[in-house]
């Protein structure tokens, strides 16, 4: 699983997306990793780059009372592939993650400029 710590501008975009989620249906999903540990994610945004689809997600953490918390300073990018009506998510190796992350940063910058 690859994640990236962002600068303030991208954190603001993720916070805005998280605030919008409260008003909309949250798309949450779980993935079991190679150590058989379950991780929960919320889909923040989707984008296409170099002919591939990517999902930007935040990991959700549940405490004993099932209260949810999010590390708002980190995000995870998965490559999403459709097959027979099903979506399959793939972790990214470093070169692909760097390219997708750069594109996500550019999209965040464009969203910020649009709002100004």
C-alpha atoms as a PDB file:
ATOM      1  CA  UNK A   1       0.000   0.000   0.000  1.00  0.00           C
ATOM      2  CA  UNK A   2       1.492   3.357  -1.010  1.00  0.00           C
ATOM      3  CA  UNK A   3       0.520   6.628   0.563  1.00  0.00           C
ATOM      4  CA  UNK A   4       1.820  10.142   0.347  1.00  0.00           C
ATOM      5  CA  UNK A   5       1.944  12.979   2.816  1.00  0.00           C
ATOM      6  CA  UNK A   6       0.860  16.197   1.112  1.00  0.00           C
ATOM      7  CA  UNK A   7       1.403  19.901   1.349  1.00  0.00           C
ATOM      8  CA  UNK A   8      -1.302  22.140   2.807  1.00  0.00           C
ATOM      9  CA  UNK A   9      -3.088  22.859  -0.478  1.00  0.00           C
ATOM     10  CA  UNK A  10      -3.800  19.206  -1.192  1.00  0.00           C
ATOM     11  CA  UNK A  11      -4.821  18.649   2.426  1.00  0.00           C
ATOM     12  CA  UNK A  12      -7.383  21.415   1.989  1.00  0.00           C
ATOM     13  CA  UNK A  13      -8.823  19.648  -1.077  1.00  0.00           C
ATOM     14  CA  UNK A  14      -9.082  16.373   0.852  1.00  0.00           C
ATOM     15  CA  UNK A  15     -10.732  18.162   3.807  1.00  0.00           C
ATOM     16  CA  UNK A  16     -13.263  19.778   1.470  1.00  0.00           C
ATOM     17  CA  UNK A  17     -13.982  16.400  -0.111  1.00  0.00           C
ATOM     18  CA  UNK A  18     -14.434  14.880   3.375  1.00  0.00           C
ATOM     19  CA  UNK A  19     -16.847  17.687   4.339  1.00  0.00           C
ATOM     20  CA  UNK A  20     -18.815  17.105   1.137  1.00  0.00           C
ATOM     21  CA  UNK A  21     -19.007  13.397   1.979  1.00  0.00           C
ATOM     22  CA  UNK A  22     -21.109  14.197   5.045  1.00  0.00           C
ATOM     23  CA  UNK A  23     -23.748  15.597   2.698  1.00  0.00           C
ATOM     24  CA  UNK A  24     -23.484  12.750   0.176  1.00  0.00           C
ATOM     25  CA  UNK A  25     -23.318   9.000   0.321  1.00  0.00           C
ATOM     26  CA  UNK A  26     -19.843   7.908   1.309  1.00  0.00           C
ATOM     27  CA  UNK A  27     -18.347   5.191  -0.867  1.00  0.00           C
ATOM     28  CA  UNK A  28     -16.515   3.020   1.655  1.00  0.00           C
ATOM     29  CA  UNK A  29     -14.812  -0.277   0.933  1.00  0.00           C
ATOM     30  CA  UNK A  30     -12.476  -2.729   2.652  1.00  0.00           C
ATOM     31  CA  UNK A  31      -9.366  -4.487   1.418  1.00  0.00           C
ATOM     32  CA  UNK A  32      -7.554  -7.368   3.068  1.00  0.00           C
ATOM     33  CA  UNK A  33      -3.772  -7.052   2.730  1.00  0.00           C
ATOM     34  CA  UNK A  34      -1.141  -9.756   2.331  1.00  0.00           C
ATOM     35  CA  UNK A  35      -0.909 -10.077   6.158  1.00  0.00           C
ATOM     36  CA  UNK A  36      -4.672 -10.817   6.293  1.00  0.00           C
ATOM     37  CA  UNK A  37      -5.342  -7.404   7.919  1.00  0.00           C
ATOM     38  CA  UNK A  38      -8.480  -5.568   6.864  1.00  0.00           C
ATOM     39  CA  UNK A  39      -8.196  -1.878   5.886  1.00  0.00           C
ATOM     40  CA  UNK A  40     -11.161   0.433   5.311  1.00  0.00           C
ATOM     41  CA  UNK A  41     -11.085   3.270   2.789  1.00  0.00           C
ATOM     42  CA  UNK A  42     -13.278   6.120   1.609  1.00  0.00           C
ATOM     43  CA  UNK A  43     -13.159   7.104  -2.044  1.00  0.00           C
ATOM     44  CA  UNK A  44     -12.238  10.803  -2.246  1.00  0.00           C
ATOM     45  CA  UNK A  45     -11.905  11.260  -5.996  1.00  0.00           C
ATOM     46  CA  UNK A  46     -11.278   9.437  -9.276  1.00  0.00           C
ATOM     47  CA  UNK A  47      -9.174  10.521 -12.242  1.00  0.00           C
ATOM     48  CA  UNK A  48      -7.718   9.183 -15.474  1.00  0.00           C
ATOM     49  CA  UNK A  49      -4.052   9.453 -16.430  1.00  0.00           C
ATOM     50  CA  UNK A  50      -2.134   7.775 -19.269  1.00  0.00           C
ATOM     51  CA  UNK A  51      -5.213   5.734 -20.148  1.00  0.00           C
ATOM     52  CA  UNK A  52      -5.565   4.292 -16.628  1.00  0.00           C
ATOM     53  CA  UNK A  53      -8.172   5.024 -13.970  1.00  0.00           C
ATOM     54  CA  UNK A  54      -7.087   5.886 -10.431  1.00  0.00           C
ATOM     55  CA  UNK A  55      -8.921   6.163  -7.126  1.00  0.00           C
ATOM     56  CA  UNK A  56      -7.699   8.598  -4.478  1.00  0.00           C
ATOM     57  CA  UNK A  57      -8.717   7.282  -1.066  1.00  0.00           C
ATOM     58  CA  UNK A  58      -8.346   8.042   2.618  1.00  0.00           C
ATOM     59  CA  UNK A  59      -7.948   5.202   5.080  1.00  0.00           C
ATOM     60  CA  UNK A  60     -10.626   5.015   7.767  1.00  0.00           C
ATOM     61  CA  UNK A  61      -9.833   3.888  11.303  1.00  0.00           C
ATOM     62  CA  UNK A  62     -12.469   2.526  13.711  1.00  0.00           C
ATOM     63  CA  UNK A  63     -12.092   2.588  17.492  1.00  0.00           C
ATOM     64  CA  UNK A  64     -13.752   0.271  20.031  1.00  0.00           C
ATOM     65  CA  UNK A  65     -17.017   2.272  19.867  1.00  0.00           C
ATOM     66  CA  UNK A  66     -17.001   2.147  16.036  1.00  0.00           C
ATOM     67  CA  UNK A  67     -16.190   5.862  15.886  1.00  0.00           C
ATOM     68  CA  UNK A  68     -14.453   6.665  12.595  1.00  0.00           C
ATOM     69  CA  UNK A  69     -11.304   8.726  12.217  1.00  0.00           C
ATOM     70  CA  UNK A  70      -9.257   9.645   9.142  1.00  0.00           C
ATOM     71  CA  UNK A  71      -5.610  10.579   8.677  1.00  0.00           C
ATOM     72  CA  UNK A  72      -6.339  13.739   6.679  1.00  0.00           C
ATOM     73  CA  UNK A  73      -2.657  14.276   5.899  1.00  0.00           C
ATOM     74  CA  UNK A  74      -2.309  11.050   3.926  1.00  0.00           C
ATOM     75  CA  UNK A  75      -3.934   9.521   0.914  1.00  0.00           C
ATOM     76  CA  UNK A  76      -3.673   6.262  -0.971  1.00  0.00           C
ATOM     77  CA  UNK A  77      -3.924   5.934  -4.744  1.00  0.00           C
ATOM     78  CA  UNK A  78      -5.139   2.697  -6.304  1.00  0.00           C
ATOM     79  CA  UNK A  79      -5.309   1.800  -9.998  1.00  0.00           C
ATOM     80  CA  UNK A  80      -8.910   0.794 -10.729  1.00  0.00           C
ATOM     81  CA  UNK A  81      -9.692  -1.657 -13.514  1.00  0.00           C
ATOM     82  CA  UNK A  82     -13.164  -2.756 -14.628  1.00  0.00           C
ATOM     83  CA  UNK A  83     -13.783  -6.337 -15.712  1.00  0.00           C
ATOM     84  CA  UNK A  84     -17.188  -7.969 -16.241  1.00  0.00           C
ATOM     85  CA  UNK A  85     -18.899  -5.180 -14.302  1.00  0.00           C
ATOM     86  CA  UNK A  86     -16.585  -5.527 -11.298  1.00  0.00           C
ATOM     87  CA  UNK A  87     -13.973  -3.024 -10.126  1.00  0.00           C
ATOM     88  CA  UNK A  88     -10.558  -4.376  -9.157  1.00  0.00           C
ATOM     89  CA  UNK A  89      -8.086  -2.195  -7.248  1.00  0.00           C
ATOM     90  CA  UNK A  90      -4.317  -2.542  -7.479  1.00  0.00           C
ATOM     91  CA  UNK A  91      -1.567  -1.104  -5.309  1.00  0.00           C
ATOM     92  CA  UNK A  92       0.925   0.988  -7.227  1.00  0.00           C
ATOM     93  CA  UNK A  93       4.652   0.381  -7.458  1.00  0.00           C
ATOM     94  CA  UNK A  94       6.820   3.444  -6.897  1.00  0.00           C
ATOM     95  CA  UNK A  95       7.241   4.670 -10.519  1.00  0.00           C
ATOM     96  CA  UNK A  96       3.512   4.448 -11.252  1.00  0.00           C
ATOM     97  CA  UNK A  97       2.644   5.966  -7.869  1.00  0.00           C
ATOM     98  CA  UNK A  98       4.922   8.945  -8.519  1.00  0.00           C
ATOM     99  CA  UNK A  99       3.286   9.604 -11.915  1.00  0.00           C
ATOM    100  CA  UNK A 100      -0.255   9.234 -10.558  1.00  0.00           C
ATOM    101  CA  UNK A 101       0.565  11.322  -7.495  1.00  0.00           C
ATOM    102  CA  UNK A 102       2.006  14.097  -9.647  1.00  0.00           C
ATOM    103  CA  UNK A 103      -1.182  14.106 -11.730  1.00  0.00           C
ATOM    104  CA  UNK A 104      -3.311  14.218  -8.557  1.00  0.00           C
ATOM    105  CA  UNK A 105      -1.255  17.202  -7.316  1.00  0.00           C
ATOM    106  CA  UNK A 106      -1.863  18.961 -10.656  1.00  0.00           C
ATOM    107  CA  UNK A 107      -5.608  18.279 -10.419  1.00  0.00           C
ATOM    108  CA  UNK A 108      -5.681  19.638  -6.865  1.00  0.00           C
ATOM    109  CA  UNK A 109      -3.852  22.786  -7.976  1.00  0.00           C
ATOM    110  CA  UNK A 110      -6.393  23.237 -10.803  1.00  0.00           C
ATOM    111  CA  UNK A 111      -9.309  22.830  -8.362  1.00  0.00           C
ATOM    112  CA  UNK A 112      -7.800  25.452  -6.065  1.00  0.00           C
ATOM    113  CA  UNK A 113      -7.334  27.892  -8.950  1.00  0.00           C
ATOM    114  CA  UNK A 114     -10.944  27.317 -10.051  1.00  0.00           C
ATOM    115  CA  UNK A 115     -12.170  28.263  -6.590  1.00  0.00           C
ATOM    116  CA  UNK A 116     -10.195  31.528  -6.525  1.00  0.00           C
END
